[in-house]
């Protein structure tokens, strides 16, 4: 087993951890958005762990971007949908999602009203989640990636 294979499996397996944390954060923030409950340690920690999981995924993904044979830059890269996905679309959309999670978490810390904190986390993380779901190379998309 080579480094590329280890990193691909790690990146693919950790996606589930990141997705679960993001979904839990969105659900919790959405449920508490209309309540007067304090933006307490549990919600803040969940949002932080989701953001950290995505940053770890980004770090692994950037290493894969450099060493993976799937990422190719050539005259035909943009004509081949699989090559284009891994060389351009996947990384661009994941970086956009990462920025959304980071901004959402940072902005929520600066809000003074609890409802505004929940609302900020909910919307930024929901939009980030949709971007992530759209840019994962799911097996049914025919991009050559597996479930794990």
Protein backbone atom coordinates (compact mmCIF):
# COMPACT_ATOMS: atom_id res chain seq x y z
CA UNK A 1 0.00 0.00 0.00
CA UNK A 2 1.55 3.32 -1.05
CA UNK A 3 1.15 6.82 0.40
CA UNK A 4 -1.40 7.84 -2.23
CA UNK A 5 -3.63 4.86 -1.44
CA UNK A 6 -3.38 5.45 2.31
CA UNK A 7 -4.27 9.13 1.93
CA UNK A 8 -7.15 8.42 -0.47
CA UNK A 9 -8.71 5.94 1.96
CA UNK A 10 -8.12 8.28 4.91
CA UNK A 11 -9.61 11.23 3.01
CA UNK A 12 -12.59 9.14 1.91
CA UNK A 13 -13.23 7.65 5.35
CA UNK A 14 -12.88 10.94 7.22
CA UNK A 15 -15.44 12.52 4.91
CA UNK A 16 -18.11 10.63 6.87
CA UNK A 17 -16.87 12.07 10.17
CA UNK A 18 -16.91 15.57 8.69
CA UNK A 19 -20.36 15.11 7.11
CA UNK A 20 -21.87 13.76 10.34
CA UNK A 21 -20.45 16.66 12.34
CA UNK A 22 -21.68 19.22 9.81
CA UNK A 23 -25.17 17.68 9.64
CA UNK A 24 -25.37 17.55 13.45
CA UNK A 25 -24.30 21.21 13.62
CA UNK A 26 -26.90 22.29 11.06
CA UNK A 27 -29.68 20.34 12.79
CA UNK A 28 -28.76 21.62 16.26
CA UNK A 29 -28.42 25.25 15.13
CA UNK A 30 -31.66 24.99 13.14
CA UNK A 31 -33.57 23.56 16.09
CA UNK A 32 -32.26 26.18 18.52
CA UNK A 33 -32.42 29.14 16.13
CA UNK A 34 -35.90 30.15 17.28
CA UNK A 35 -35.32 29.38 20.95
CA UNK A 36 -33.97 31.68 23.60
CA UNK A 37 -31.47 29.06 24.72
CA UNK A 38 -27.90 30.25 25.21
CA UNK A 39 -25.34 29.52 22.53
CA UNK A 40 -23.63 27.16 24.90
CA UNK A 41 -20.52 25.03 24.93
CA UNK A 42 -22.08 22.01 23.16
CA UNK A 43 -23.24 23.87 20.07
CA UNK A 44 -20.09 25.97 19.87
CA UNK A 45 -17.94 22.83 20.23
CA UNK A 46 -19.92 20.95 17.60
CA UNK A 47 -19.48 23.81 15.12
CA UNK A 48 -15.77 24.00 15.97
CA UNK A 49 -15.22 20.24 15.54
CA UNK A 50 -17.06 20.30 12.20
CA UNK A 51 -14.85 23.15 11.03
CA UNK A 52 -11.69 21.37 12.27
CA UNK A 53 -12.74 18.15 10.51
CA UNK A 54 -13.08 20.09 7.26
CA UNK A 55 -9.68 21.72 7.76
CA UNK A 56 -8.11 18.28 8.28
CA UNK A 57 -9.86 17.07 5.14
CA UNK A 58 -8.51 20.10 3.27
CA UNK A 59 -4.95 19.40 4.44
CA UNK A 60 -5.15 15.76 3.32
CA UNK A 61 -6.85 16.82 0.09
CA UNK A 62 -4.11 19.33 -0.72
CA UNK A 63 -1.44 16.64 -0.29
CA UNK A 64 -3.48 14.35 -2.56
CA UNK A 65 -3.83 17.18 -5.06
CA UNK A 66 -0.05 17.27 -5.38
CA UNK A 67 0.74 13.52 -5.35
CA UNK A 68 -2.34 11.85 -6.87
CA UNK A 69 -2.18 10.46 -10.40
CA UNK A 70 -5.89 11.32 -10.69
CA UNK A 71 -5.05 15.03 -10.78
CA UNK A 72 -3.49 15.78 -14.14
CA UNK A 73 -2.76 19.00 -15.91
CA UNK A 74 -2.60 18.74 -19.65
CA UNK A 75 -4.19 19.76 -22.90
CA UNK A 76 -7.11 17.36 -22.39
CA UNK A 77 -7.80 18.00 -18.70
CA UNK A 78 -10.70 20.38 -19.26
CA UNK A 79 -12.23 18.14 -21.96
CA UNK A 80 -12.35 15.05 -19.73
CA UNK A 81 -15.07 15.42 -17.07
CA UNK A 82 -13.33 13.16 -14.53
CA UNK A 83 -9.94 14.88 -14.87
CA UNK A 84 -11.60 18.31 -14.74
CA UNK A 85 -13.57 17.34 -11.65
CA UNK A 86 -10.49 16.36 -9.65
CA UNK A 87 -8.18 19.06 -11.05
CA UNK A 88 -10.56 22.01 -10.77
CA UNK A 89 -14.13 21.47 -9.57
CA UNK A 90 -13.58 19.36 -6.44
CA UNK A 91 -10.82 21.51 -4.95
CA UNK A 92 -12.49 24.83 -5.83
CA UNK A 93 -15.85 23.88 -4.35
CA UNK A 94 -14.34 22.31 -1.24
CA UNK A 95 -12.28 25.44 -0.61
CA UNK A 96 -15.44 27.53 -0.97
CA UNK A 97 -17.18 25.27 1.57
CA UNK A 98 -14.20 25.52 3.91
CA UNK A 99 -14.32 29.30 3.72
CA UNK A 100 -18.07 29.23 4.46
CA UNK A 101 -17.57 27.07 7.57
CA UNK A 102 -14.72 29.25 8.80
CA UNK A 103 -16.57 32.52 8.22
CA UNK A 104 -19.76 31.12 9.78
CA UNK A 105 -17.94 29.99 12.90
CA UNK A 106 -16.00 33.26 13.22
CA UNK A 107 -19.05 35.46 12.64
CA UNK A 108 -21.08 33.50 15.18
CA UNK A 109 -18.48 34.21 17.86
CA UNK A 110 -18.79 37.95 17.24
CA UNK A 111 -22.58 38.05 17.53
CA UNK A 112 -23.99 39.10 20.89
CA UNK A 113 -27.53 37.75 20.60
CA UNK A 114 -27.95 33.96 20.91
CA UNK A 115 -30.52 33.76 18.12
CA UNK A 116 -28.12 35.55 15.76
CA UNK A 117 -25.34 33.10 16.68
CA UNK A 118 -27.52 30.08 15.88
CA UNK A 119 -28.81 31.70 12.70
CA UNK A 120 -25.28 32.49 11.48
CA UNK A 121 -24.04 28.95 12.13
CA UNK A 122 -27.16 27.44 10.59
CA UNK A 123 -27.02 29.34 7.28
CA UNK A 124 -23.27 29.27 6.72
CA UNK A 125 -23.01 25.59 7.62
CA UNK A 126 -26.10 24.64 5.59
CA UNK A 127 -24.79 26.36 2.46
CA UNK A 128 -21.35 24.85 3.09
CA UNK A 129 -22.93 21.41 3.49
CA UNK A 130 -24.75 21.75 0.16
CA UNK A 131 -21.50 22.75 -1.56
CA UNK A 132 -19.71 19.77 0.01
CA UNK A 133 -22.46 17.34 -1.02
CA UNK A 134 -22.34 18.68 -4.58
CA UNK A 135 -18.57 18.32 -4.82
CA UNK A 136 -17.99 14.87 -3.32
CA UNK A 137 -17.08 12.28 -5.97
CA UNK A 138 -19.97 9.97 -5.08
CA UNK A 139 -19.86 6.49 -6.67
CA UNK A 140 -23.15 7.11 -8.53
CA UNK A 141 -21.58 10.09 -10.32
CA UNK A 142 -19.23 7.82 -12.26
CA UNK A 143 -16.08 9.59 -11.13
CA UNK A 144 -14.26 6.49 -9.98
CA UNK A 145 -14.48 7.02 -6.21
CA UNK A 146 -15.90 4.52 -3.73
CA UNK A 147 -17.98 4.93 -0.60
CA UNK A 148 -14.91 4.62 1.64
